[in-house]
PDB file of all heavy atoms in Angstrom:
ATOM      1  N   TYR A   1     135.289 115.576 -47.119  1.00  0.00           N
ATOM      2  CA  TYR A   1     134.010 114.971 -46.739  1.00  0.00           C
ATOM      3  C   TYR A   1     134.199 113.951 -45.620  1.00  0.00           C
ATOM      4  O   TYR A   1     135.270 113.378 -45.479  1.00  0.00           O
ATOM      5  CB  TYR A   1     133.373 114.247 -47.938  1.00  0.00           C
ATOM      6  CG  TYR A   1     133.206 115.116 -49.142  1.00  0.00           C
ATOM      7  CD1 TYR A   1     134.090 115.028 -50.215  1.00  0.00           C
ATOM      8  CD2 TYR A   1     132.165 116.042 -49.227  1.00  0.00           C
ATOM      9  CE1 TYR A   1     133.938 115.831 -51.339  1.00  0.00           C
ATOM     10  CE2 TYR A   1     132.008 116.843 -50.345  1.00  0.00           C
ATOM     11  CZ  TYR A   1     132.904 116.731 -51.395  1.00  0.00           C
ATOM     12  OH  TYR A   1     132.753 117.530 -52.499  1.00  0.00           O
ATOM     13  N   GLU A   2     133.145 113.719 -44.875  1.00  0.00           N
ATOM     14  CA  GLU A   2     133.165 112.665 -43.855  1.00  0.00           C
ATOM     15  C   GLU A   2     132.726 111.365 -44.526  1.00  0.00           C
ATOM     16  O   GLU A   2     131.550 111.027 -44.531  1.00  0.00           O
ATOM     17  CB  GLU A   2     132.265 113.035 -42.681  1.00  0.00           C
ATOM     18  CG  GLU A   2     132.811 114.200 -41.885  1.00  0.00           C
ATOM     19  CD  GLU A   2     132.197 114.319 -40.500  1.00  0.00           C
ATOM     20  OE1 GLU A   2     131.329 113.511 -40.131  1.00  0.00           O
ATOM     21  OE2 GLU A   2     132.614 115.243 -39.785  1.00  0.00           O
ATOM     22  N   ILE A   3     133.682 110.666 -45.095  1.00  0.00           N
ATOM     23  CA  ILE A   3     133.404 109.436 -45.830  1.00  0.00           C
ATOM     24  C   ILE A   3     133.457 108.275 -44.855  1.00  0.00           C
ATOM     25  O   ILE A   3     134.477 108.033 -44.217  1.00  0.00           O
ATOM     26  CB  ILE A   3     134.392 109.259 -46.994  1.00  0.00           C
ATOM     27  CG1 ILE A   3     134.200 110.423 -47.969  1.00  0.00           C
ATOM     28  CG2 ILE A   3     134.212 107.905 -47.657  1.00  0.00           C
ATOM     29  CD1 ILE A   3     135.134 110.442 -49.133  1.00  0.00           C
ATOM     30  N   GLU A   4     132.341 107.571 -44.765  1.00  0.00           N
ATOM     31  CA  GLU A   4     132.198 106.520 -43.755  1.00  0.00           C
ATOM     32  C   GLU A   4     132.512 105.118 -44.265  1.00  0.00           C
ATOM     33  O   GLU A   4     132.929 104.274 -43.488  1.00  0.00           O
ATOM     34  CB  GLU A   4     130.765 106.538 -43.204  1.00  0.00           C
ATOM     35  CG  GLU A   4     130.390 107.842 -42.538  1.00  0.00           C
ATOM     36  CD  GLU A   4     128.941 107.873 -42.069  1.00  0.00           C
ATOM     37  OE1 GLU A   4     128.299 106.800 -41.980  1.00  0.00           O
ATOM     38  OE2 GLU A   4     128.444 108.976 -41.798  1.00  0.00           O
ATOM     39  N   THR A   5     132.278 104.857 -45.559  1.00  0.00           N
ATOM     40  CA  THR A   5     132.430 103.494 -46.074  1.00  0.00           C
ATOM     41  C   THR A   5     133.255 103.474 -47.360  1.00  0.00           C
ATOM     42  O   THR A   5     133.382 104.491 -48.048  1.00  0.00           O
ATOM     43  CB  THR A   5     131.052 102.860 -46.386  1.00  0.00           C
ATOM     44  OG1 THR A   5     130.445 103.598 -47.467  1.00  0.00           O
ATOM     45  CG2 THR A   5     130.143 102.857 -45.169  1.00  0.00           C
ATOM     46  N   GLN A   6     133.754 102.298 -47.676  1.00  0.00           N
ATOM     47  CA  GLN A   6     134.478 102.118 -48.932  1.00  0.00           C
ATOM     48  C   GLN A   6     133.540 102.343 -50.116  1.00  0.00           C
ATOM     49  O   GLN A   6     133.941 102.929 -51.122  1.00  0.00           O
ATOM     50  CB  GLN A   6     135.079 100.713 -48.987  1.00  0.00           C
ATOM     51  CG  GLN A   6     136.196 100.510 -48.000  1.00  0.00           C
ATOM     52  CD  GLN A   6     136.782  99.115 -48.022  1.00  0.00           C
ATOM     53  OE1 GLN A   6     136.427  98.287 -48.863  1.00  0.00           O
ATOM     54  NE2 GLN A   6     137.693  98.851 -47.099  1.00  0.00           N
ATOM     55  N   GLU A   7     132.306 101.907 -49.985  1.00  0.00           N
ATOM     56  CA  GLU A   7     131.335 102.083 -51.063  1.00  0.00           C
ATOM     57  C   GLU A   7     131.094 103.564 -51.336  1.00  0.00           C
ATOM     58  O   GLU A   7     130.997 103.989 -52.492  1.00  0.00           O
ATOM     59  CB  GLU A   7     130.010 101.377 -50.727  1.00  0.00           C
ATOM     60  CG  GLU A   7     130.112  99.868 -50.677  1.00  0.00           C
ATOM     61  CD  GLU A   7     130.727  99.326 -49.385  1.00  0.00           C
ATOM     62  OE1 GLU A   7     130.866 100.076 -48.384  1.00  0.00           O
ATOM     63  OE2 GLU A   7     131.094  98.136 -49.379  1.00  0.00           O
ATOM     64  N   GLU A   8     131.001 104.359 -50.278  1.00  0.00           N
ATOM     65  CA  GLU A   8     130.824 105.798 -50.444  1.00  0.00           C
ATOM     66  C   GLU A   8     132.039 106.404 -51.147  1.00  0.00           C
ATOM     67  O   GLU A   8     131.903 107.280 -52.007  1.00  0.00           O
ATOM     68  CB  GLU A   8     130.612 106.460 -49.085  1.00  0.00           C
ATOM     69  CG  GLU A   8     130.340 107.942 -49.161  1.00  0.00           C
ATOM     70  CD  GLU A   8     130.142 108.584 -47.793  1.00  0.00           C
ATOM     71  OE1 GLU A   8     130.032 107.874 -46.769  1.00  0.00           O
ATOM     72  OE2 GLU A   8     130.107 109.827 -47.765  1.00  0.00           O
ATOM     73  N   LEU A   9     133.211 105.922 -50.812  1.00  0.00           N
ATOM     74  CA  LEU A   9     134.432 106.404 -51.445  1.00  0.00           C
ATOM     75  C   LEU A   9     134.454 106.022 -52.930  1.00  0.00           C
ATOM     76  O   LEU A   9     134.821 106.846 -53.781  1.00  0.00           O
ATOM     77  CB  LEU A   9     135.654 105.851 -50.717  1.00  0.00           C
ATOM     78  CG  LEU A   9     137.005 106.447 -51.056  1.00  0.00           C
ATOM     79  CD1 LEU A   9     137.006 107.962 -51.011  1.00  0.00           C
ATOM     80  CD2 LEU A   9     138.055 105.894 -50.113  1.00  0.00           C
ATOM     81  N   VAL A  10     134.029 104.814 -53.257  1.00  0.00           N
ATOM     82  CA  VAL A  10     133.949 104.381 -54.659  1.00  0.00           C
ATOM     83  C   VAL A  10     133.015 105.315 -55.433  1.00  0.00           C
ATOM     84  O   VAL A  10     133.343 105.758 -56.541  1.00  0.00           O
ATOM     85  CB  VAL A  10     133.458 102.914 -54.758  1.00  0.00           C
ATOM     86  CG1 VAL A  10     133.068 102.557 -56.192  1.00  0.00           C
ATOM     87  CG2 VAL A  10     134.520 101.960 -54.242  1.00  0.00           C
ATOM     88  N   GLU A  11     131.864 105.646 -54.855  1.00  0.00           N
ATOM     89  CA  GLU A  11     130.901 106.531 -55.519  1.00  0.00           C
ATOM     90  C   GLU A  11     131.466 107.938 -55.717  1.00  0.00           C
ATOM     91  O   GLU A  11     131.297 108.535 -56.778  1.00  0.00           O
ATOM     92  CB  GLU A  11     129.588 106.593 -54.732  1.00  0.00           C
ATOM     93  CG  GLU A  11     128.782 105.310 -54.802  1.00  0.00           C
ATOM     94  CD  GLU A  11     128.478 104.889 -56.234  1.00  0.00           C
ATOM     95  OE1 GLU A  11     128.043 105.740 -57.046  1.00  0.00           O
ATOM     96  OE2 GLU A  11     128.699 103.701 -56.548  1.00  0.00           O
ATOM     97  N   ARG A  12     132.132 108.463 -54.700  1.00  0.00           N
ATOM     98  CA  ARG A  12     132.737 109.804 -54.829  1.00  0.00           C
ATOM     99  C   ARG A  12     133.807 109.801 -55.917  1.00  0.00           C
ATOM    100  O   ARG A  12     133.923 110.754 -56.677  1.00  0.00           O
ATOM    101  CB  ARG A  12     133.339 110.251 -53.504  1.00  0.00           C
ATOM    102  CG  ARG A  12     132.289 110.509 -52.457  1.00  0.00           C
ATOM    103  CD  ARG A  12     132.420 111.918 -51.959  1.00  0.00           C
ATOM    104  NE  ARG A  12     131.469 112.130 -50.872  1.00  0.00           N
ATOM    105  CZ  ARG A  12     130.621 113.134 -50.850  1.00  0.00           C
ATOM    106  NH1 ARG A  12     130.597 114.011 -51.816  1.00  0.00           N
ATOM    107  NH2 ARG A  12     129.798 113.272 -49.834  1.00  0.00           N
ATOM    108  N   LEU A  13     134.609 108.731 -55.974  1.00  0.00           N
ATOM    109  CA  LEU A  13     135.630 108.630 -57.010  1.00  0.00           C
ATOM    110  C   LEU A  13     134.996 108.579 -58.399  1.00  0.00           C
ATOM    111  O   LEU A  13     135.502 109.204 -59.342  1.00  0.00           O
ATOM    112  CB  LEU A  13     136.517 107.394 -56.786  1.00  0.00           C
ATOM    113  CG  LEU A  13     137.526 107.498 -55.648  1.00  0.00           C
ATOM    114  CD1 LEU A  13     138.129 106.132 -55.339  1.00  0.00           C
ATOM    115  CD2 LEU A  13     138.622 108.510 -55.973  1.00  0.00           C
ATOM    116  N   LYS A  14     133.886 107.863 -58.529  1.00  0.00           N
ATOM    117  CA  LYS A  14     133.197 107.779 -59.822  1.00  0.00           C
ATOM    118  C   LYS A  14     132.735 109.154 -60.274  1.00  0.00           C
ATOM    119  O   LYS A  14     132.862 109.500 -61.448  1.00  0.00           O
ATOM    120  CB  LYS A  14     132.010 106.818 -59.747  1.00  0.00           C
ATOM    121  CG  LYS A  14     132.414 105.366 -59.807  1.00  0.00           C
ATOM    122  CD  LYS A  14     131.219 104.440 -59.800  1.00  0.00           C
ATOM    123  CE  LYS A  14     131.687 102.997 -59.747  1.00  0.00           C
ATOM    124  NZ  LYS A  14     130.578 102.062 -59.635  1.00  0.00           N
ATOM    125  N   THR A  15     132.212 109.966 -59.344  1.00  0.00           N
ATOM    126  CA  THR A  15     131.772 111.313 -59.720  1.00  0.00           C
ATOM    127  C   THR A  15     132.954 112.197 -60.113  1.00  0.00           C
ATOM    128  O   THR A  15     132.773 113.190 -60.809  1.00  0.00           O
ATOM    129  CB  THR A  15     130.978 112.003 -58.586  1.00  0.00           C
ATOM    130  OG1 THR A  15     131.818 112.170 -57.451  1.00  0.00           O
ATOM    131  CG2 THR A  15     129.748 111.207 -58.211  1.00  0.00           C
ATOM    132  N   GLU A  16     134.152 111.802 -59.684  1.00  0.00           N
ATOM    133  CA  GLU A  16     135.370 112.550 -60.021  1.00  0.00           C
ATOM    134  C   GLU A  16     136.034 112.011 -61.287  1.00  0.00           C
ATOM    135  O   GLU A  16     137.092 112.488 -61.681  1.00  0.00           O
ATOM    136  CB  GLU A  16     136.371 112.450 -58.858  1.00  0.00           C
ATOM    137  CG  GLU A  16     135.881 113.007 -57.550  1.00  0.00           C
ATOM    138  CD  GLU A  16     135.955 114.528 -57.516  1.00  0.00           C
ATOM    139  OE1 GLU A  16     136.833 115.098 -58.174  1.00  0.00           O
ATOM    140  OE2 GLU A  16     135.113 115.118 -56.818  1.00  0.00           O
ATOM    141  N   GLY A  17     135.418 110.977 -61.892  1.00  0.00           N
ATOM    142  CA  GLY A  17     135.956 110.429 -63.127  1.00  0.00           C
ATOM    143  C   GLY A  17     136.922 109.274 -62.957  1.00  0.00           C
ATOM    144  O   GLY A  17     137.586 108.862 -63.912  1.00  0.00           O
ATOM    145  N   PHE A  18     137.012 108.719 -61.743  1.00  0.00           N
ATOM    146  CA  PHE A  18     137.885 107.575 -61.488  1.00  0.00           C
ATOM    147  C   PHE A  18     137.052 106.306 -61.461  1.00  0.00           C
ATOM    148  O   PHE A  18     136.042 106.232 -60.764  1.00  0.00           O
ATOM    149  CB  PHE A  18     138.604 107.717 -60.136  1.00  0.00           C
ATOM    150  CG  PHE A  18     139.625 108.813 -60.100  1.00  0.00           C
ATOM    151  CD1 PHE A  18     139.279 110.072 -59.659  1.00  0.00           C
ATOM    152  CD2 PHE A  18     140.930 108.581 -60.509  1.00  0.00           C
ATOM    153  CE1 PHE A  18     140.214 111.092 -59.615  1.00  0.00           C
ATOM    154  CE2 PHE A  18     141.869 109.596 -60.481  1.00  0.00           C
ATOM    155  CZ  PHE A  18     141.509 110.848 -60.031  1.00  0.00           C
ATOM    156  N   SER A  19     137.488 105.309 -62.210  1.00  0.00           N
ATOM    157  CA  SER A  19     136.825 104.014 -62.199  1.00  0.00           C
ATOM    158  C   SER A  19     137.568 103.118 -61.210  1.00  0.00           C
ATOM    159  O   SER A  19     138.733 102.781 -61.420  1.00  0.00           O
ATOM    160  CB  SER A  19     136.854 103.397 -63.597  1.00  0.00           C
ATOM    161  OG  SER A  19     136.268 102.124 -63.563  1.00  0.00           O
ATOM    162  N   ALA A  20     136.906 102.766 -60.111  1.00  0.00           N
ATOM    163  CA  ALA A  20     137.549 101.940 -59.091  1.00  0.00           C
ATOM    164  C   ALA A  20     136.505 101.027 -58.452  1.00  0.00           C
ATOM    165  O   ALA A  20     135.375 101.439 -58.215  1.00  0.00           O
ATOM    166  CB  ALA A  20     138.193 102.815 -58.030  1.00  0.00           C
ATOM    167  N   THR A  21     136.931  99.819 -58.172  1.00  0.00           N
ATOM    168  CA  THR A  21     136.047  98.877 -57.488  1.00  0.00           C
ATOM    169  C   THR A  21     136.263  99.001 -55.975  1.00  0.00           C
ATOM    170  O   THR A  21     137.229  99.618 -55.523  1.00  0.00           O
ATOM    171  CB  THR A  21     136.362  97.427 -57.913  1.00  0.00           C
ATOM    172  OG1 THR A  21     137.688  97.115 -57.477  1.00  0.00           O
ATOM    173  CG2 THR A  21     136.245  97.256 -59.424  1.00  0.00           C
ATOM    174  N   GLN A  22     135.392  98.372 -55.236  1.00  0.00           N
ATOM    175  CA  GLN A  22     135.537  98.365 -53.782  1.00  0.00           C
ATOM    176  C   GLN A  22     136.845  97.692 -53.392  1.00  0.00           C
ATOM    177  O   GLN A  22     137.535  98.143 -52.475  1.00  0.00           O
ATOM    178  CB  GLN A  22     134.328  97.670 -53.141  1.00  0.00           C
ATOM    179  CG  GLN A  22     134.328  97.659 -51.631  1.00  0.00           C
ATOM    180  CD  GLN A  22     135.064  96.458 -51.039  1.00  0.00           C
ATOM    181  OE1 GLN A  22     135.101  95.394 -51.624  1.00  0.00           O
ATOM    182  NE2 GLN A  22     135.661  96.656 -49.885  1.00  0.00           N
ATOM    183  N   ALA A  23     137.228  96.640 -54.097  1.00  0.00           N
ATOM    184  CA  ALA A  23     138.481  95.938 -53.794  1.00  0.00           C
ATOM    185  C   ALA A  23     139.695  96.844 -54.036  1.00  0.00           C
ATOM    186  O   ALA A  23     140.645  96.861 -53.245  1.00  0.00           O
ATOM    187  CB  ALA A  23     138.598  94.674 -54.637  1.00  0.00           C
ATOM    188  N   THR A  24     139.648  97.624 -55.111  1.00  0.00           N
ATOM    189  CA  THR A  24     140.727  98.564 -55.406  1.00  0.00           C
ATOM    190  C   THR A  24     140.831  99.615 -54.319  1.00  0.00           C
ATOM    191  O   THR A  24     141.927  99.933 -53.836  1.00  0.00           O
ATOM    192  CB  THR A  24     140.498  99.239 -56.775  1.00  0.00           C
ATOM    193  OG1 THR A  24     140.471  98.227 -57.787  1.00  0.00           O
ATOM    194  CG2 THR A  24     141.590 100.244 -57.092  1.00  0.00           C
ATOM    195  N   VAL A  25     139.676 100.155 -53.923  1.00  0.00           N
ATOM    196  CA  VAL A  25     139.653 101.175 -52.870  1.00  0.00           C
ATOM    197  C   VAL A  25     140.156 100.587 -51.563  1.00  0.00           C
ATOM    198  O   VAL A  25     140.884 101.240 -50.817  1.00  0.00           O
ATOM    199  CB  VAL A  25     138.241 101.781 -52.729  1.00  0.00           C
ATOM    200  CG1 VAL A  25     138.115 102.608 -51.462  1.00  0.00           C
ATOM    201  CG2 VAL A  25     137.918 102.626 -53.953  1.00  0.00           C
ATOM    202  N   SER A  26     139.822  99.344 -51.290  1.00  0.00           N
ATOM    203  CA  SER A  26     140.289  98.674 -50.077  1.00  0.00           C
ATOM    204  C   SER A  26     141.820  98.602 -50.076  1.00  0.00           C
ATOM    205  O   SER A  26     142.462  98.874 -49.059  1.00  0.00           O
ATOM    206  CB  SER A  26     139.688  97.269 -49.993  1.00  0.00           C
ATOM    207  OG  SER A  26     140.164  96.598 -48.854  1.00  0.00           O
ATOM    208  N   ARG A  27     142.413  98.255 -51.221  1.00  0.00           N
ATOM    209  CA  ARG A  27     143.875  98.212 -51.324  1.00  0.00           C
ATOM    210  C   ARG A  27     144.471  99.611 -51.157  1.00  0.00           C
ATOM    211  O   ARG A  27     145.498  99.784 -50.494  1.00  0.00           O
ATOM    212  CB  ARG A  27     144.309  97.596 -52.656  1.00  0.00           C
ATOM    213  CG  ARG A  27     144.139  96.086 -52.710  1.00  0.00           C
ATOM    214  CD  ARG A  27     144.786  95.495 -53.950  1.00  0.00           C
ATOM    215  NE  ARG A  27     144.134  95.928 -55.186  1.00  0.00           N
ATOM    216  CZ  ARG A  27     143.079  95.337 -55.729  1.00  0.00           C
ATOM    217  NH1 ARG A  27     142.540  94.283 -55.144  1.00  0.00           N
ATOM    218  NH2 ARG A  27     142.560  95.802 -56.844  1.00  0.00           N
ATOM    219  N   ASP A  28     143.816 100.605 -51.754  1.00  0.00           N
ATOM    220  CA  ASP A  28     144.296 101.986 -51.612  1.00  0.00           C
ATOM    221  C   ASP A  28     144.272 102.424 -50.151  1.00  0.00           C
ATOM    222  O   ASP A  28     145.206 103.073 -49.674  1.00  0.00           O
ATOM    223  CB  ASP A  28     143.442 102.946 -52.452  1.00  0.00           C
ATOM    224  CG  ASP A  28     143.680 102.806 -53.945  1.00  0.00           C
ATOM    225  OD1 ASP A  28     144.739 102.270 -54.348  1.00  0.00           O
ATOM    226  OD2 ASP A  28     142.797 103.242 -54.713  1.00  0.00           O
ATOM    227  N   ILE A  29     143.220 102.071 -49.447  1.00  0.00           N
ATOM    228  CA  ILE A  29     143.093 102.435 -48.032  1.00  0.00           C
ATOM    229  C   ILE A  29     144.237 101.828 -47.230  1.00  0.00           C
ATOM    230  O   ILE A  29     144.845 102.493 -46.392  1.00  0.00           O
ATOM    231  CB  ILE A  29     141.713 102.006 -47.475  1.00  0.00           C
ATOM    232  CG1 ILE A  29     140.623 102.909 -48.054  1.00  0.00           C
ATOM    233  CG2 ILE A  29     141.699 102.019 -45.946  1.00  0.00           C
ATOM    234  CD1 ILE A  29     139.207 102.430 -47.786  1.00  0.00           C
ATOM    235  N   ARG A  30     144.561 100.574 -47.504  1.00  0.00           N
ATOM    236  CA  ARG A  30     145.687  99.929 -46.823  1.00  0.00           C
ATOM    237  C   ARG A  30     147.001 100.608 -47.189  1.00  0.00           C
ATOM    238  O   ARG A  30     147.829 100.887 -46.326  1.00  0.00           O
ATOM    239  CB  ARG A  30     145.751  98.438 -47.166  1.00  0.00           C
ATOM    240  CG  ARG A  30     144.874  97.572 -46.285  1.00  0.00           C
ATOM    241  CD  ARG A  30     145.203  96.095 -46.393  1.00  0.00           C
ATOM    242  NE  ARG A  30     145.245  95.584 -47.754  1.00  0.00           N
ATOM    243  CZ  ARG A  30     144.175  95.210 -48.462  1.00  0.00           C
ATOM    244  NH1 ARG A  30     142.986  95.277 -47.925  1.00  0.00           N
ATOM    245  NH2 ARG A  30     144.303  94.757 -49.692  1.00  0.00           N
ATOM    246  N   LYS A  31     147.208 100.879 -48.471  1.00  0.00           N
ATOM    247  CA  LYS A  31     148.445 101.496 -48.945  1.00  0.00           C
ATOM    248  C   LYS A  31     148.641 102.883 -48.332  1.00  0.00           C
ATOM    249  O   LYS A  31     149.751 103.263 -47.975  1.00  0.00           O
ATOM    250  CB  LYS A  31     148.412 101.603 -50.476  1.00  0.00           C
ATOM    251  CG  LYS A  31     149.527 102.395 -51.084  1.00  0.00           C
ATOM    252  CD  LYS A  31     150.801 101.613 -51.116  1.00  0.00           C
ATOM    253  CE  LYS A  31     151.837 102.414 -51.924  1.00  0.00           C
ATOM    254  NZ  LYS A  31     153.160 102.201 -51.502  1.00  0.00           N
ATOM    255  N   LEU A  32     147.541 103.641 -48.188  1.00  0.00           N
ATOM    256  CA  LEU A  32     147.609 104.991 -47.637  1.00  0.00           C
ATOM    257  C   LEU A  32     147.576 105.002 -46.108  1.00  0.00           C
ATOM    258  O   LEU A  32     147.660 106.060 -45.496  1.00  0.00           O
ATOM    259  CB  LEU A  32     146.444 105.831 -48.181  1.00  0.00           C
ATOM    260  CG  LEU A  32     146.469 106.085 -49.682  1.00  0.00           C
ATOM    261  CD1 LEU A  32     145.135 106.670 -50.148  1.00  0.00           C
ATOM    262  CD2 LEU A  32     147.628 106.997 -50.048  1.00  0.00           C
ATOM    263  N   SER A  33     147.436 103.823 -45.499  1.00  0.00           N
ATOM    264  CA  SER A  33     147.367 103.674 -44.034  1.00  0.00           C
ATOM    265  C   SER A  33     146.241 104.504 -43.422  1.00  0.00           C
ATOM    266  O   SER A  33     146.390 105.088 -42.352  1.00  0.00           O
ATOM    267  CB  SER A  33     148.701 104.064 -43.379  1.00  0.00           C
ATOM    268  OG  SER A  33     149.737 103.279 -43.879  1.00  0.00           O
ATOM    269  N   LEU A  34     145.100 104.557 -44.114  1.00  0.00           N
ATOM    270  CA  LEU A  34     143.972 105.317 -43.595  1.00  0.00           C
ATOM    271  C   LEU A  34     143.372 104.606 -42.391  1.00  0.00           C
ATOM    272  O   LEU A  34     143.396 103.379 -42.302  1.00  0.00           O
ATOM    273  CB  LEU A  34     142.899 105.501 -44.674  1.00  0.00           C
ATOM    274  CG  LEU A  34     143.335 106.227 -45.936  1.00  0.00           C
ATOM    275  CD1 LEU A  34     142.150 106.386 -46.880  1.00  0.00           C
ATOM    276  CD2 LEU A  34     143.955 107.567 -45.621  1.00  0.00           C
ATOM    277  N   LYS A  35     142.865 105.373 -41.487  1.00  0.00           N
ATOM    278  CA  LYS A  35     142.221 104.858 -40.278  1.00  0.00           C
ATOM    279  C   LYS A  35     140.820 105.425 -40.198  1.00  0.00           C
ATOM    280  O   LYS A  35     140.437 106.290 -40.976  1.00  0.00           O
ATOM    281  CB  LYS A  35     143.018 105.282 -39.027  1.00  0.00           C
ATOM    282  CG  LYS A  35     144.472 104.902 -39.041  1.00  0.00           C
ATOM    283  CD  LYS A  35     144.664 103.418 -38.929  1.00  0.00           C
ATOM    284  CE  LYS A  35     146.146 103.072 -38.949  1.00  0.00           C
ATOM    285  NZ  LYS A  35     146.415 101.781 -39.467  1.00  0.00           N
ATOM    286  N   LYS A  36     140.061 104.958 -39.243  1.00  0.00           N
ATOM    287  CA  LYS A  36     138.738 105.523 -38.991  1.00  0.00           C
ATOM    288  C   LYS A  36     138.760 106.245 -37.660  1.00  0.00           C
ATOM    289  O   LYS A  36     139.398 105.819 -36.708  1.00  0.00           O
ATOM    290  CB  LYS A  36     137.670 104.436 -38.985  1.00  0.00           C
ATOM    291  CG  LYS A  36     137.275 103.979 -40.377  1.00  0.00           C
ATOM    292  CD  LYS A  36     135.863 103.517 -40.406  1.00  0.00           C
ATOM    293  CE  LYS A  36     135.419 103.292 -41.840  1.00  0.00           C
ATOM    294  NZ  LYS A  36     134.064 102.807 -41.892  1.00  0.00           N
ATOM    295  N   ALA A  37     138.054 107.382 -37.640  1.00  0.00           N
ATOM    296  CA  ALA A  37     137.918 108.177 -36.423  1.00  0.00           C
ATOM    297  C   ALA A  37     136.496 108.723 -36.398  1.00  0.00           C
ATOM    298  O   ALA A  37     135.797 108.722 -37.412  1.00  0.00           O
ATOM    299  CB  ALA A  37     138.920 109.313 -36.410  1.00  0.00           C
ATOM    300  N   ILE A  38     136.083 109.181 -35.252  1.00  0.00           N
ATOM    301  CA  ILE A  38     134.747 109.749 -35.122  1.00  0.00           C
ATOM    302  C   ILE A  38     134.744 111.153 -35.718  1.00  0.00           C
ATOM    303  O   ILE A  38     135.546 112.002 -35.346  1.00  0.00           O
ATOM    304  CB  ILE A  38     134.302 109.794 -33.641  1.00  0.00           C
ATOM    305  CG1 ILE A  38     134.322 108.381 -33.047  1.00  0.00           C
ATOM    306  CG2 ILE A  38     132.921 110.427 -33.504  1.00  0.00           C
ATOM    307  CD1 ILE A  38     133.412 107.394 -33.732  1.00  0.00           C
ATOM    308  N   GLY A  39     133.819 111.380 -36.658  1.00  0.00           N
ATOM    309  CA  GLY A  39     133.701 112.677 -37.308  1.00  0.00           C
ATOM    310  C   GLY A  39     132.807 113.615 -36.527  1.00  0.00           C
ATOM    311  O   GLY A  39     132.289 113.278 -35.452  1.00  0.00           O
ATOM    312  N   ALA A  40     132.585 114.802 -37.083  1.00  0.00           N
ATOM    313  CA  ALA A  40     131.752 115.818 -36.438  1.00  0.00           C
ATOM    314  C   ALA A  40     130.316 115.333 -36.262  1.00  0.00           C
ATOM    315  O   ALA A  40     129.615 115.737 -35.338  1.00  0.00           O
ATOM    316  CB  ALA A  40     131.777 117.116 -37.252  1.00  0.00           C
ATOM    317  N   SER A  41     129.897 114.433 -37.149  1.00  0.00           N
ATOM    318  CA  SER A  41     128.533 113.899 -37.075  1.00  0.00           C
ATOM    319  C   SER A  41     128.383 112.836 -35.981  1.00  0.00           C
ATOM    320  O   SER A  41     127.277 112.381 -35.723  1.00  0.00           O
ATOM    321  CB  SER A  41     128.151 113.280 -38.424  1.00  0.00           C
ATOM    322  OG  SER A  41     128.969 112.146 -38.681  1.00  0.00           O
ATOM    323  N   GLY A  42     129.498 112.445 -35.371  1.00  0.00           N
ATOM    324  CA  GLY A  42     129.464 111.390 -34.359  1.00  0.00           C
ATOM    325  C   GLY A  42     129.576 110.003 -34.955  1.00  0.00           C
ATOM    326  O   GLY A  42     129.525 109.006 -34.246  1.00  0.00           O
ATOM    327  N   ARG A  43     129.741 109.926 -36.265  1.00  0.00           N
ATOM    328  CA  ARG A  43     129.856 108.641 -36.960  1.00  0.00           C
ATOM    329  C   ARG A  43     131.302 108.447 -37.412  1.00  0.00           C
ATOM    330  O   ARG A  43     132.025 109.414 -37.604  1.00  0.00           O
ATOM    331  CB  ARG A  43     128.901 108.612 -38.142  1.00  0.00           C
ATOM    332  CG  ARG A  43     127.446 108.765 -37.693  1.00  0.00           C
ATOM    333  CD  ARG A  43     126.516 108.894 -38.884  1.00  0.00           C
ATOM    334  NE  ARG A  43     126.632 107.750 -39.775  1.00  0.00           N
ATOM    335  CZ  ARG A  43     125.753 106.757 -39.840  1.00  0.00           C
ATOM    336  NH1 ARG A  43     124.682 106.787 -39.081  1.00  0.00           N
ATOM    337  NH2 ARG A  43     125.924 105.764 -40.676  1.00  0.00           N
TER     338      ARG A  43
END
């Protein structure tokens, strides 16, 4: 998916059965060295 925000990622994780806060996801993003790039939607 073209996930744009940490909040969107938290919601997707919840639908997958993972309980995570925005702060947890923020730490995961840093740990995984994720970056942002322009997606097909231009966002």
